[in-house]
Protein backbone atom coordinates (compact mmCIF):
# COMPACT_ATOMS: atom_id res chain seq x y z
CA MET A 1 0.03 0.12 -0.07
CA PRO A 2 0.97 3.14 -0.76
CA GLU A 3 3.18 4.72 2.18
CA ASN A 4 1.42 7.90 3.81
CA ASN A 5 3.90 10.83 5.19
CA SER A 6 2.10 11.21 8.28
CA THR A 7 3.00 8.02 9.03
CA ARG A 8 6.75 8.85 8.86
CA PRO A 9 9.24 9.55 11.06
CA PRO A 10 10.03 12.31 12.97
CA LEU A 11 13.60 12.40 11.89
CA THR A 12 12.54 12.42 7.91
CA ARG A 13 10.25 14.93 8.50
CA ARG A 14 13.15 17.15 9.66
CA ALA A 15 15.49 15.96 7.08
CA LEU A 16 13.25 17.17 4.96
CA THR A 17 12.19 20.57 6.47
CA LEU A 18 15.85 21.28 6.67
CA ALA A 19 16.81 20.82 2.85
CA ALA A 20 14.06 22.97 1.87
CA GLY A 21 15.50 25.59 3.72
CA LEU A 22 18.65 25.36 2.66
CA ALA A 23 17.75 25.43 -1.14
CA VAL A 24 15.59 28.80 -0.37
CA ALA A 25 18.45 30.15 1.45
CA ALA A 26 20.84 29.22 -1.73
CA LEU A 27 18.09 30.69 -3.82
CA ALA A 28 18.27 33.88 -1.91
CA ALA A 29 22.00 33.92 -2.03
CA THR A 30 22.37 33.35 -5.56
CA GLY A 31 19.66 36.10 -6.17
CA LEU A 32 22.12 38.46 -4.00
CA SER A 33 25.06 37.80 -5.75
CA LEU A 34 23.38 38.62 -9.11
CA ALA A 35 21.82 41.51 -7.48
CA VAL A 36 25.77 43.12 -6.89
CA ALA A 37 26.98 41.63 -10.10
CA SER A 38 24.88 43.55 -12.17
CA PRO A 39 26.39 47.19 -11.33
CA ALA A 40 29.80 45.89 -12.29
CA SER A 41 28.61 44.90 -15.35
CA ALA A 42 27.27 48.06 -16.46
CA HIS A 43 30.48 49.55 -17.02
CA THR A 44 31.45 48.35 -20.47
CA PRO A 45 34.76 49.43 -22.28
CA THR A 46 35.16 48.39 -25.42
CA VAL A 47 38.47 48.32 -27.81
CA SER A 48 38.41 46.88 -31.41
CA SER A 49 40.41 46.89 -34.82
CA THR A 50 40.35 46.22 -38.36
CA CYS A 51 42.84 46.74 -40.85
CA ASP A 52 41.94 49.89 -41.31
CA THR A 53 40.12 51.84 -38.43
CA LEU A 54 40.91 51.34 -34.30
CA SER A 55 37.34 52.04 -32.11
CA VAL A 56 37.01 53.00 -28.39
CA LYS A 57 33.61 52.54 -26.52
CA THR A 58 32.52 53.07 -22.90
CA ALA A 59 29.13 52.86 -21.68
CA ASN A 60 27.26 53.12 -18.06
CA TYR A 61 30.40 54.78 -16.24
CA SER A 62 29.74 56.49 -13.16
CA ALA A 63 29.14 60.28 -13.44
CA ASN A 64 30.00 61.14 -9.95
CA ALA A 65 33.86 59.29 -10.70
CA ASP A 66 36.23 60.36 -11.90
CA ASN A 67 36.40 59.13 -15.97
CA THR A 68 39.57 59.44 -18.61
CA ILE A 69 40.76 57.94 -21.84
CA THR A 70 43.84 58.04 -23.38
CA VAL A 71 44.67 56.16 -26.91
CA THR A 72 48.04 56.09 -28.52
CA ILE A 73 48.55 54.66 -32.00
CA ASP A 74 52.23 53.73 -33.52
CA GLY A 75 53.61 55.58 -30.62
CA LYS A 76 51.83 58.74 -31.04
CA ASP A 77 49.15 60.09 -28.72
CA VAL A 78 46.35 60.51 -31.26
CA GLN A 79 43.95 60.66 -28.22
CA PRO A 80 45.97 62.84 -25.31
CA LYS A 81 44.23 61.50 -21.93
CA THR A 82 40.61 62.84 -21.74
CA SER A 83 37.92 62.78 -19.21
CA PHE A 84 34.48 62.23 -20.06
CA ASP A 85 30.93 61.49 -17.95
CA THR A 86 29.59 57.94 -18.81
CA GLN A 87 30.54 57.18 -21.92
CA PHE A 88 32.93 57.83 -24.69
CA SER A 89 32.80 56.50 -28.34
CA LYS A 90 35.46 57.52 -31.03
CA THR A 91 37.31 56.00 -34.14
CA TYR A 92 40.17 56.06 -35.43
CA ASP A 93 41.68 56.16 -39.19
CA PHE A 94 45.32 54.41 -39.78
CA ALA A 95 47.38 56.23 -41.90
CA ASP A 96 48.32 52.56 -44.37
CA ARG A 97 45.62 49.82 -44.13
CA THR A 98 48.06 47.50 -46.13
CA VAL A 99 50.70 47.29 -42.70
CA ALA A 100 49.52 46.43 -39.10
CA HIS A 101 49.52 49.41 -36.21
CA ASP A 102 50.66 49.18 -32.54
CA TYR A 103 47.88 50.76 -30.38
CA VAL A 104 47.64 51.23 -26.44
CA VAL A 105 44.03 52.28 -24.96
CA ALA A 106 43.97 53.29 -21.35
CA ILE A 107 40.42 53.51 -19.89
CA LYS A 108 40.51 55.07 -16.35
CA THR A 109 37.85 55.47 -13.43
CA SER A 110 38.47 56.46 -10.01
CA ASP A 111 35.44 53.75 -8.98
CA ASP A 112 38.19 51.37 -10.13
CA PRO A 113 41.61 52.64 -8.92
CA ASN A 114 43.51 49.55 -9.50
CA GLY A 115 41.59 47.65 -12.19
CA SER A 116 40.82 44.81 -9.91
CA LYS A 117 36.87 45.42 -10.92
CA GLY A 118 37.45 45.39 -15.13
CA TYR A 119 36.45 49.39 -15.01
CA SER A 120 40.01 50.35 -15.81
CA VAL A 121 41.77 48.58 -18.41
CA THR A 122 44.71 49.03 -20.52
CA GLU A 123 44.36 47.29 -23.96
CA LYS A 124 47.22 46.77 -26.47
CA GLY A 125 47.19 45.26 -30.04
CA SER A 126 47.97 45.21 -33.13
CA SER A 127 46.12 45.75 -36.42
CA THR A 128 45.60 43.43 -38.74
CA PRO A 129 46.95 44.71 -42.67
CA CYS A 130 44.27 44.49 -45.19
CA VAL A 131 44.78 42.48 -47.98
CA PRO A 132 45.83 44.40 -50.78
CA PRO A 133 43.46 44.14 -54.28
CA THR A 134 44.92 42.45 -56.32
CA THR A 135 45.21 44.40 -59.70
CA PRO A 136 45.85 42.66 -62.74
CA PRO A 137 48.69 43.06 -64.73
CA THR A 138 48.62 45.70 -67.18
CA THR A 139 49.22 45.02 -70.93
CA PRO A 140 51.31 47.60 -72.48
CA PRO A 141 49.65 49.17 -75.40
CA THR A 142 51.06 47.78 -78.60
CA THR A 143 52.93 49.83 -80.29
CA PRO A 144 53.42 49.15 -84.28
CA PRO A 145 57.43 48.77 -85.00
CA THR A 146 58.14 52.14 -86.84
CA THR A 147 59.60 52.19 -90.16
CA PRO A 148 62.88 54.09 -90.66
CA PRO A 149 62.86 56.51 -93.15
CA VAL A 150 63.85 55.69 -96.54
CA PRO A 151 66.61 57.89 -98.40
CA PRO A 152 65.42 59.26 -102.04
CA VAL A 153 66.62 57.56 -105.20
CA VAL A 154 68.39 59.85 -107.13
CA THR A 155 69.98 59.24 -110.61
CA VAL A 156 71.83 62.08 -112.55
CA SER A 157 73.32 62.96 -116.19
CA SER A 158 74.71 65.35 -118.18
CA ALA A 159 75.24 66.90 -121.58
CA VAL A 160 76.76 69.65 -123.71
CA THR A 161 74.47 72.26 -125.25
CA SER A 162 77.06 74.75 -126.48
CA CYS A 163 80.77 75.31 -127.50
CA ASP A 164 82.50 77.58 -128.55
CA PRO A 165 85.97 76.04 -130.76
CA VAL A 166 87.86 78.93 -130.33
CA THR A 167 87.84 79.71 -126.72
CA GLY A 168 86.85 76.53 -125.63
CA VAL A 169 84.28 77.51 -123.62
CA GLY A 170 80.59 76.02 -123.01
CA ASN A 171 77.87 74.95 -121.16
CA GLY A 172 75.49 71.87 -120.42
CA THR A 173 73.16 70.65 -118.82
CA ILE A 174 72.61 68.59 -115.50
CA THR A 175 69.27 66.01 -114.88
CA VAL A 176 68.53 64.92 -111.44
CA VAL A 177 65.85 62.14 -111.06
CA ALA A 178 64.47 62.85 -107.83
CA GLY A 179 62.53 58.81 -106.61
CA GLY A 180 60.57 58.94 -103.18
CA ASP A 181 57.11 58.76 -101.26
CA GLU A 182 54.50 59.93 -103.63
CA LYS A 183 53.49 62.15 -100.84
CA HIS A 184 56.76 64.49 -100.51
CA GLY A 185 58.41 67.07 -101.80
CA PHE A 186 61.61 67.26 -102.36
CA ASP A 187 64.79 69.71 -102.38
CA VAL A 188 67.35 69.56 -105.32
CA THR A 189 70.73 71.22 -105.31
CA ILE A 190 73.43 71.77 -107.65
CA ALA A 191 76.95 72.10 -105.98
CA ASP A 192 80.57 72.83 -107.49
CA ALA A 193 83.59 71.03 -106.40
CA THR A 194 84.00 73.37 -103.96
CA GLY A 195 81.02 72.94 -102.26
CA THR A 196 79.25 75.99 -103.69
CA ALA A 197 75.65 75.71 -104.49
CA VAL A 198 75.33 76.67 -108.34
CA GLN A 199 71.29 76.25 -108.36
CA SER A 200 68.86 74.93 -106.95
CA ARG A 201 65.25 73.57 -107.47
CA SER A 202 61.86 72.47 -105.49
CA LEU A 203 59.64 69.70 -106.55
CA ASP A 204 55.94 69.29 -105.21
CA LYS A 205 56.42 65.16 -105.63
CA PRO A 206 59.11 62.70 -107.39
CA GLY A 207 59.99 63.69 -110.81
CA THR A 208 62.61 64.92 -112.92
CA VAL A 209 64.28 68.61 -113.08
CA THR A 210 66.91 69.73 -115.02
CA PHE A 211 69.54 72.70 -114.59
CA GLU A 212 71.07 74.40 -117.78
CA GLY A 213 73.99 76.69 -118.29
CA ILE A 214 75.99 74.37 -116.12
CA PRO A 215 79.75 75.64 -117.16
CA SER A 216 81.74 72.63 -118.39
CA GLY A 217 84.66 70.75 -117.65
CA MET A 218 83.82 70.78 -114.09
CA GLU A 219 82.36 67.79 -111.67
CA TYR A 220 79.28 68.40 -110.14
CA THR A 221 77.43 67.02 -106.89
CA ALA A 222 73.14 66.53 -107.24
CA THR A 223 71.49 66.49 -103.78
CA VAL A 224 68.13 65.61 -103.17
CA THR A 225 66.81 66.44 -99.99
CA ASP A 226 63.06 64.56 -98.69
CA ALA A 227 61.51 68.01 -96.98
CA VAL A 228 59.61 65.75 -94.91
CA THR A 229 61.90 63.11 -93.64
CA GLU A 230 65.14 65.61 -94.37
CA GLN A 231 66.86 62.50 -95.49
CA THR A 232 69.16 62.92 -98.19
CA SER A 233 71.15 61.33 -101.55
CA SER A 234 73.29 62.36 -103.32
CA GLY A 235 75.17 61.53 -107.08
CA THR A 236 77.93 63.53 -108.91
CA VAL A 237 78.19 64.12 -112.75
CA SER A 238 81.04 65.89 -114.70
CA VAL A 239 79.65 67.69 -117.51
CA GLN A 240 82.56 67.54 -120.83
CA LYS A 241 84.96 69.77 -121.21
CA CYS A 242 84.63 72.19 -124.55
CA LEU A 243 87.62 71.26 -126.32
CA LYS A 244 88.89 74.45 -129.16
CA ALA A 245 89.38 73.22 -132.89
CA VAL A 246 92.61 72.24 -134.15
CA VAL A 247 93.80 73.54 -137.08
CA GLU A 248 96.56 71.13 -138.50
CA THR A 249 99.54 71.88 -140.71
CA PRO A 250 100.78 69.47 -142.81
CA THR A 251 104.07 68.74 -142.66
CA PRO A 252 106.33 68.64 -145.37
CA THR A 253 107.86 65.56 -146.55
CA PRO A 254 111.23 65.82 -147.36
CA THR A 255 112.94 64.70 -150.30
CA PRO A 256 115.50 62.33 -150.62
CA GLU A 257 118.87 63.46 -151.81
CA VAL A 258 120.16 61.91 -155.33
CA PRO A 259 123.51 61.58 -156.06
CA VAL A 260 125.27 63.05 -158.83
CA ALA A 261 126.92 61.11 -160.70
CA THR A 262 130.41 62.00 -162.79
CA THR A 263 130.03 61.80 -166.32
CA PRO A 264 133.09 62.43 -168.40
CA ALA A 265 132.88 65.32 -170.60
CA THR A 266 131.82 64.98 -173.77
CA PRO A 267 134.38 66.35 -176.40
CA ALA A 268 133.26 69.45 -178.25
CA ALA A 269 132.17 69.12 -181.84
CA VAL A 270 134.85 69.79 -184.46
CA VAL A 271 133.60 71.71 -187.12
CA PRO A 272 135.29 71.40 -190.13
CA SER A 273 137.09 74.87 -190.95
CA VAL A 274 136.28 75.98 -194.46
CA PRO A 275 139.11 77.28 -196.41
CA SER A 276 138.65 81.07 -197.01
CA THR A 277 138.00 82.22 -200.10
CA PRO A 278 139.59 85.10 -201.80
CA ALA A 279 137.53 88.42 -201.93
CA SER A 280 136.87 88.36 -205.66
CA ALA A 281 135.62 85.22 -205.49
CA GLN A 282 133.57 86.01 -202.49
CA VAL A 283 131.56 88.29 -204.36
CA SER A 284 131.04 85.55 -207.57
CA ASN A 285 130.20 83.39 -204.48
CA THR A 286 127.92 85.62 -202.95
CA GLY A 287 126.33 86.14 -206.64
CA ALA A 288 126.51 82.38 -206.57
CA LEU A 289 124.44 81.97 -203.10
CA ALA A 290 122.31 84.51 -204.53
CA GLU A 291 121.07 82.69 -207.29
CA THR A 292 121.24 79.39 -205.57
CA GLY A 293 119.89 80.88 -202.30
CA SER A 294 116.64 78.77 -202.61
CA GLU A 295 118.59 75.65 -202.11
CA ALA A 296 121.34 76.35 -199.68
CA ALA A 297 118.63 77.89 -196.88
CA PRO A 298 117.92 74.51 -195.88
CA LEU A 299 120.95 73.09 -196.01
CA ALA A 300 121.75 75.51 -193.32
CA ILE A 301 118.66 75.20 -191.06
CA GLY A 302 119.80 71.67 -191.03
CA ALA A 303 123.21 71.77 -189.80
CA VAL A 304 121.72 74.26 -186.90
CA ALA A 305 119.46 71.44 -186.06
CA LEU A 306 122.21 68.90 -185.76
CA MET A 307 124.50 71.40 -183.64
CA MET A 308 121.42 71.96 -180.96
CA LEU A 309 120.46 68.16 -181.12
CA GLY A 310 124.19 67.39 -180.43
CA GLY A 311 124.16 70.09 -177.14
CA VAL A 312 120.69 68.34 -176.17
CA VAL A 313 122.38 64.78 -175.90
CA ALA A 314 125.54 66.13 -174.23
CA PHE A 315 123.49 67.45 -171.43
CA ALA A 316 120.88 64.68 -171.28
CA ILE A 317 124.40 62.26 -170.89
CA ARG A 318 126.02 64.51 -168.43
CA LYS A 319 122.01 64.02 -166.49
CA LYS A 320 122.28 60.80 -166.50
CA PRO A 321 122.68 58.95 -162.97
CA VAL A 322 126.14 56.20 -162.74
CA ARG A 323 124.20 53.00 -161.99
């Protein structure tokens, strides 16, 4: 049958009563302790940091107490010793978020001079650096390769256009062909052997230019300059010398000497003497000749001819060379 409490022994009832009293006392004691601890939890100092900032807060401090706060970052007082009433709140920015910063926060109150109650605290710490954002590598802009300027092309020729055969003075022309960029102009200059400019022209584009009146018998340099790139090219050319006319004088041909042959003397022709005739006879002969004159004249002419022929033969024999 069920046990009846009224039938319990007196000792058991006393034990139960004592346990109940102890429980009530324990609950009362616990409530008293909580009531005492609640004022202590009201003083709340809070110090926290990020990679960017340091935050300091206090709350529920007694307005009748002497409350102060000091904040130092990296050895520098960013918040000199400052008094506050019941609460304090402030945030401090770090100079460089990518590095760690050391800080010291000192909170003092006259309600807890030695810090045994946790109202007066000194918090020391270091911030955690922020991780720098990853920057994608920048690709430098691609620059197309530059083509070096090309010097112009030069072709030079010359010709003699006039010549004075007496003085030897003449003139000629120099023709320059300038080649290059079709969009560029060109300056063409002709200079003599001393470097002195003789003539110059300008072209709006590649082309040919002829310089006239160039003295002959000299060497010249044609220089072509690109008006845009200032690149130059040059070529040399000579204008042929103008020669004087030469009048040739024939040189006499020497006549060889002919040796003179020695011809023996030719004896003179002997004419037979005619015996003298007495005067009387001469008269008679004269008369006779007169009578026979027509017959004697041919004979006399023949005799003279024979004498001349003999002389010619003798002269020819004398001149005939000896072999």
